[in-house]
Protein backbone atom coordinates (compact mmCIF):
# COMPACT_ATOMS: atom_id res chain seq x y z
CA MET A 1 -0.06 0.06 0.00
CA PRO A 2 1.46 3.37 -0.95
CA ILE A 3 2.48 5.58 1.94
CA LEU A 4 1.38 8.87 0.29
CA MET A 5 -1.70 9.76 -1.95
CA ALA A 6 -1.86 12.83 -4.06
CA THR A 7 -5.13 14.90 -3.58
CA GLY A 8 -5.38 18.19 -5.56
CA ASN A 9 -2.20 20.14 -4.66
CA ARG A 10 -1.19 18.32 -1.58
CA THR A 11 -0.07 14.77 -0.52
CA GLU A 12 -2.18 12.92 2.20
CA ILE A 13 -0.69 10.22 4.42
CA SER A 14 -2.21 6.80 3.98
CA GLU A 15 -0.02 5.15 6.70
CA PHE A 16 2.37 6.14 9.36
CA ILE A 17 5.99 5.01 10.57
CA PRO A 18 6.64 5.02 14.31
CA MET A 19 10.29 6.01 14.56
CA SER A 20 11.35 4.88 18.04
CA PHE A 21 13.17 1.68 17.20
CA SER A 22 13.79 2.01 13.53
CA SER A 23 17.22 3.61 14.09
CA LEU A 24 18.52 0.81 16.27
CA PRO A 25 20.76 -1.97 15.17
CA THR A 26 19.21 -5.26 14.42
CA GLU A 27 21.01 -6.80 17.48
CA ILE A 28 19.29 -4.23 19.69
CA GLN A 29 15.91 -4.68 18.36
CA SER A 30 16.13 -8.44 18.80
CA LEU A 31 17.16 -7.98 22.36
CA LEU A 32 14.32 -5.50 22.96
CA PHE A 33 11.93 -7.93 21.31
CA LEU A 34 13.03 -10.62 23.83
CA THR A 35 12.85 -8.55 26.94
CA PHE A 36 9.52 -6.93 26.15
CA LEU A 37 7.95 -10.33 25.20
CA THR A 38 9.20 -11.81 28.42
CA ILE A 39 7.70 -8.87 30.52
CA TYR A 40 4.52 -9.06 28.59
CA LEU A 41 4.11 -12.80 28.99
CA VAL A 42 4.59 -12.45 32.69
CA THR A 43 2.08 -9.62 33.09
CA LEU A 44 -0.32 -11.36 31.02
CA MET A 45 -0.10 -14.56 32.98
CA GLY A 46 -0.21 -12.62 36.19
CA LYS A 47 -3.38 -10.93 35.29
CA SER A 48 -5.11 -14.00 33.85
CA LEU A 49 -4.34 -15.77 36.92
CA VAL A 50 -5.85 -13.05 39.05
CA ILE A 51 -9.22 -13.43 36.72
CA LEU A 52 -9.23 -17.10 36.79
CA VAL A 53 -8.60 -17.60 40.54
CA THR A 54 -11.02 -14.89 41.65
CA LEU A 55 -13.68 -16.60 39.54
CA ALA A 56 -13.02 -20.08 40.66
CA ASP A 57 -12.85 -19.53 44.29
CA LEU A 58 -16.28 -18.79 45.87
CA MET A 59 -14.50 -17.02 48.76
CA LEU A 60 -13.17 -14.60 46.31
CA HIS A 61 -16.58 -13.31 44.94
CA SER A 62 -16.55 -10.25 47.06
CA PRO A 63 -16.81 -6.75 45.69
CA MET A 64 -12.95 -6.07 46.19
CA TYR A 65 -12.10 -9.02 44.04
CA SER A 66 -14.89 -8.36 41.53
CA PHE A 67 -13.22 -4.76 40.85
CA LEU A 68 -9.83 -6.48 40.85
CA ARG A 69 -11.07 -8.72 38.08
CA ASN A 70 -12.14 -5.64 36.12
CA LEU A 71 -8.91 -3.96 36.62
CA SER A 72 -6.93 -7.06 35.48
CA PHE A 73 -8.94 -7.28 32.27
CA LEU A 74 -8.46 -3.49 31.63
CA GLU A 75 -4.69 -3.94 32.22
CA ILE A 76 -4.64 -6.93 29.79
CA GLY A 77 -6.26 -4.78 27.10
CA PHE A 78 -4.27 -1.86 27.98
CA ASN A 79 -0.94 -3.71 27.52
CA LEU A 80 -2.09 -5.65 24.31
CA VAL A 81 -2.89 -2.30 22.70
CA ILE A 82 0.69 -0.89 23.44
CA VAL A 83 2.84 -4.05 23.19
CA ALA A 84 1.30 -6.06 20.38
CA LYS A 85 2.32 -3.85 17.56
CA MET A 86 5.65 -2.82 19.20
CA LEU A 87 6.59 -6.56 19.42
CA GLY A 88 5.52 -7.00 15.83
CA THR A 89 7.61 -4.12 14.67
CA LEU A 90 10.69 -5.35 16.45
CA LEU A 91 10.19 -8.80 15.14
CA ALA A 92 9.56 -8.20 11.63
CA GLN A 93 11.32 -4.80 11.44
CA ASP A 94 8.49 -3.42 9.57
CA THR A 95 7.59 -0.07 11.39
CA THR A 96 4.73 0.91 9.27
CA ILE A 97 1.15 0.95 10.45
CA SER A 98 -1.98 1.75 8.37
CA PHE A 99 -4.14 4.81 8.95
CA LEU A 100 -7.10 2.71 10.24
CA GLY A 101 -4.63 0.54 12.36
CA CYS A 102 -3.12 3.84 13.85
CA ALA A 103 -6.77 5.16 14.63
CA THR A 104 -7.74 1.88 16.24
CA GLN A 105 -4.65 1.62 18.37
CA MET A 106 -5.31 5.17 19.64
CA TYR A 107 -8.93 4.58 20.34
CA PHE A 108 -8.36 1.62 22.48
CA PHE A 109 -5.38 3.35 24.21
CA PHE A 110 -7.59 6.02 25.29
CA PHE A 111 -10.59 3.76 26.14
CA PHE A 112 -8.58 1.44 28.32
CA GLY A 113 -6.58 4.13 29.97
CA VAL A 114 -9.66 6.25 30.94
CA ALA A 115 -11.58 3.26 32.23
CA GLU A 116 -8.72 2.21 34.43
CA CYS A 117 -8.45 5.60 36.02
CA PHE A 118 -12.17 5.62 36.83
CA LEU A 119 -12.09 1.99 37.99
CA LEU A 120 -9.30 2.83 40.49
CA ALA A 121 -11.72 5.69 41.98
CA THR A 122 -14.34 3.06 42.24
CA MET A 123 -12.08 0.67 43.98
CA ALA A 124 -11.12 3.50 46.44
CA TYR A 125 -14.75 4.17 47.15
CA ASN A 126 -15.17 0.38 47.80
CA HIS A 127 -12.40 0.66 50.38
CA TYR A 128 -14.06 3.57 52.07
CA VAL A 129 -17.38 1.91 52.36
CA ALA A 130 -15.59 -1.35 53.83
CA ILE A 131 -13.89 0.53 56.43
CA CYS A 132 -16.02 3.39 57.25
CA SER A 133 -19.32 1.48 57.05
CA PRO A 134 -18.45 -2.27 57.76
CA LEU A 135 -21.90 -3.17 59.14
CA HIS A 136 -23.60 -1.66 56.12
CA TYR A 137 -20.96 -2.87 53.46
CA PRO A 138 -22.88 -6.09 52.34
CA VAL A 139 -26.05 -4.02 51.65
CA ILE A 140 -24.47 -1.04 50.10
CA MET A 141 -22.08 -2.97 47.88
CA ASN A 142 -24.53 -5.58 46.60
CA GLN A 143 -24.07 -7.35 43.50
CA ARG A 144 -26.38 -4.75 41.52
CA THR A 145 -24.24 -1.85 43.02
CA ARG A 146 -21.11 -3.48 41.93
CA ALA A 147 -22.43 -3.95 38.38
CA LYS A 148 -23.52 -0.33 38.31
CA LEU A 149 -20.16 0.93 39.59
CA ALA A 150 -18.20 -1.28 37.05
CA THR A 151 -20.48 0.01 34.18
CA ALA A 152 -19.95 3.47 35.30
CA SER A 153 -16.15 3.06 35.41
CA TRP A 154 -15.92 1.61 31.91
CA PHE A 155 -18.44 4.01 30.34
CA PRO A 156 -16.32 7.33 30.30
CA GLY A 157 -13.72 5.60 28.16
CA PHE A 158 -16.22 5.18 25.08
CA PRO A 159 -17.09 8.86 24.62
CA VAL A 160 -13.49 10.09 25.40
CA ALA A 161 -11.80 7.67 22.98
CA THR A 162 -14.56 8.28 20.31
CA VAL A 163 -14.39 12.02 20.32
CA GLN A 164 -10.58 12.30 20.68
CA THR A 165 -9.87 9.68 17.86
CA THR A 166 -12.53 10.80 15.46
CA TRP A 167 -11.62 14.49 15.82
CA LEU A 168 -7.95 13.98 15.43
CA PHE A 169 -8.22 11.60 12.43
CA SER A 170 -10.77 13.86 10.64
CA PHE A 171 -7.86 16.38 10.19
CA PRO A 172 -5.89 16.30 6.88
CA PHE A 173 -2.32 14.73 7.22
CA CYS A 174 0.25 15.80 4.68
CA GLY A 175 3.97 15.86 4.43
CA THR A 176 5.95 13.53 6.71
CA ASN A 177 4.31 10.28 7.82
CA LYS A 178 6.82 9.53 10.63
CA VAL A 179 5.50 9.40 14.24
CA ASN A 180 8.18 10.25 16.80
CA HIS A 181 6.84 7.51 19.27
CA PHE A 182 6.52 3.82 19.34
CA LEU A 183 2.68 3.94 19.16
CA CYS A 184 0.03 6.25 17.83
CA ASP A 185 -0.47 8.66 20.74
CA SER A 186 -2.40 11.79 20.20
CA LEU A 187 0.47 14.37 20.54
CA PRO A 188 2.89 12.86 18.18
CA VAL A 189 0.24 12.07 15.57
CA LEU A 190 -1.18 15.57 16.04
CA LYS A 191 2.24 17.13 15.03
CA LEU A 192 1.75 15.58 11.48
CA VAL A 193 -1.61 17.36 10.98
CA CYS A 194 -1.66 20.45 8.44
CA ALA A 195 -4.54 22.31 9.61
CA TYR A 196 -5.73 24.68 12.35
CA THR A 197 -5.75 22.41 15.57
CA ALA A 198 -6.08 24.99 18.36
CA LEU A 199 -9.62 24.01 19.37
CA PHE A 200 -8.72 20.24 19.37
CA GLU A 201 -5.54 21.17 21.66
CA ILE A 202 -7.79 23.04 24.14
CA TYR A 203 -10.14 20.15 24.21
CA ALA A 204 -7.34 17.62 24.72
CA ILE A 205 -5.85 19.58 27.52
CA ILE A 206 -9.43 19.88 29.34
CA ARG A 207 -10.05 16.20 28.64
CA THR A 208 -6.64 15.29 30.21
CA ILE A 209 -7.29 17.37 33.30
CA LEU A 210 -10.69 16.07 33.94
CA VAL A 211 -9.71 12.41 33.33
CA VAL A 212 -6.85 12.76 35.76
CA MET A 213 -8.14 15.07 38.19
CA ILE A 214 -11.59 13.63 38.81
CA PRO A 215 -10.46 10.02 39.71
CA CYS A 216 -7.50 11.51 41.74
CA LEU A 217 -9.78 13.74 43.80
CA LEU A 218 -12.18 10.97 44.33
CA ILE A 219 -9.30 8.58 45.45
CA LEU A 220 -7.87 11.49 47.71
CA CYS A 221 -11.17 12.06 49.29
CA SER A 222 -11.89 8.40 49.97
CA TYR A 223 -8.64 7.66 51.52
CA THR A 224 -8.74 10.96 53.46
CA LEU A 225 -11.99 9.85 55.02
CA ILE A 226 -10.52 6.37 55.55
CA ALA A 227 -7.50 7.86 57.43
CA ALA A 228 -9.81 10.03 59.53
CA ALA A 229 -11.90 7.11 60.49
CA ILE A 230 -8.92 4.85 61.36
CA LEU A 231 -7.49 7.48 63.49
CA LYS A 232 -10.57 7.63 65.49
CA ILE A 233 -10.40 3.82 66.54
CA PRO A 234 -9.27 3.76 70.02
CA LEU A 235 -7.68 0.16 70.06
CA ALA A 236 -4.33 -0.36 68.24
CA LYS A 237 -5.66 -3.68 67.17
CA GLY A 238 -8.67 -2.07 65.54
CA LYS A 239 -6.37 0.32 63.63
CA HIS A 240 -4.26 -2.36 62.48
CA LYS A 241 -7.05 -4.53 61.08
CA ALA A 242 -8.65 -1.37 59.34
CA PHE A 243 -5.24 -0.63 57.70
CA SER A 244 -5.07 -4.26 56.67
CA THR A 245 -8.50 -3.94 55.07
């Protein structure tokens, strides 16, 4: 497939070339492939075991392990999006990625990343309820509530990924097709756009602040309340049990 297509008086990009590993010697690329493959397989095995064990053991069908299964699944997807193409590039030494492939990688990169941020905030809320309202915990964190919280954690990833990816790839790309990164992330791809992108950049900054700050504030608030509740416990044994939880 050709890299460039002539359209009118300009040349549009039909595929991209991530540049991070292309300048390295073949021996170094082979070593990186083995290193990243080993790390990826160990990570994949660990996350898969968490999912399988928590599903198989009825004692682990609690809200905490339910959210942990969700987190493990998101991390498997997030690592797959980043590492799969990178390993293929290092193995085949073919650095090109199609226009659609780049957009797809960016979409799922944002989706899994955003969903994981909000799921971490949900897990912090679960810890808050478990420690600050232990007697009401089974009622508050029932199966229906867990399902709603998990869905609410996953949902923000869809609109964020859809808007960001669709908007960015609706711009015209022309000139160089070399992405200064090992994956199709927003900023390095945006540098290849030959159009007015100020509004998109403002949106991207606001999106980043909201996606990072909202979960962080929820986590900070949850653990502040947890710490305050633990410090009020008079017995050292009770504090130790709460911290363990």
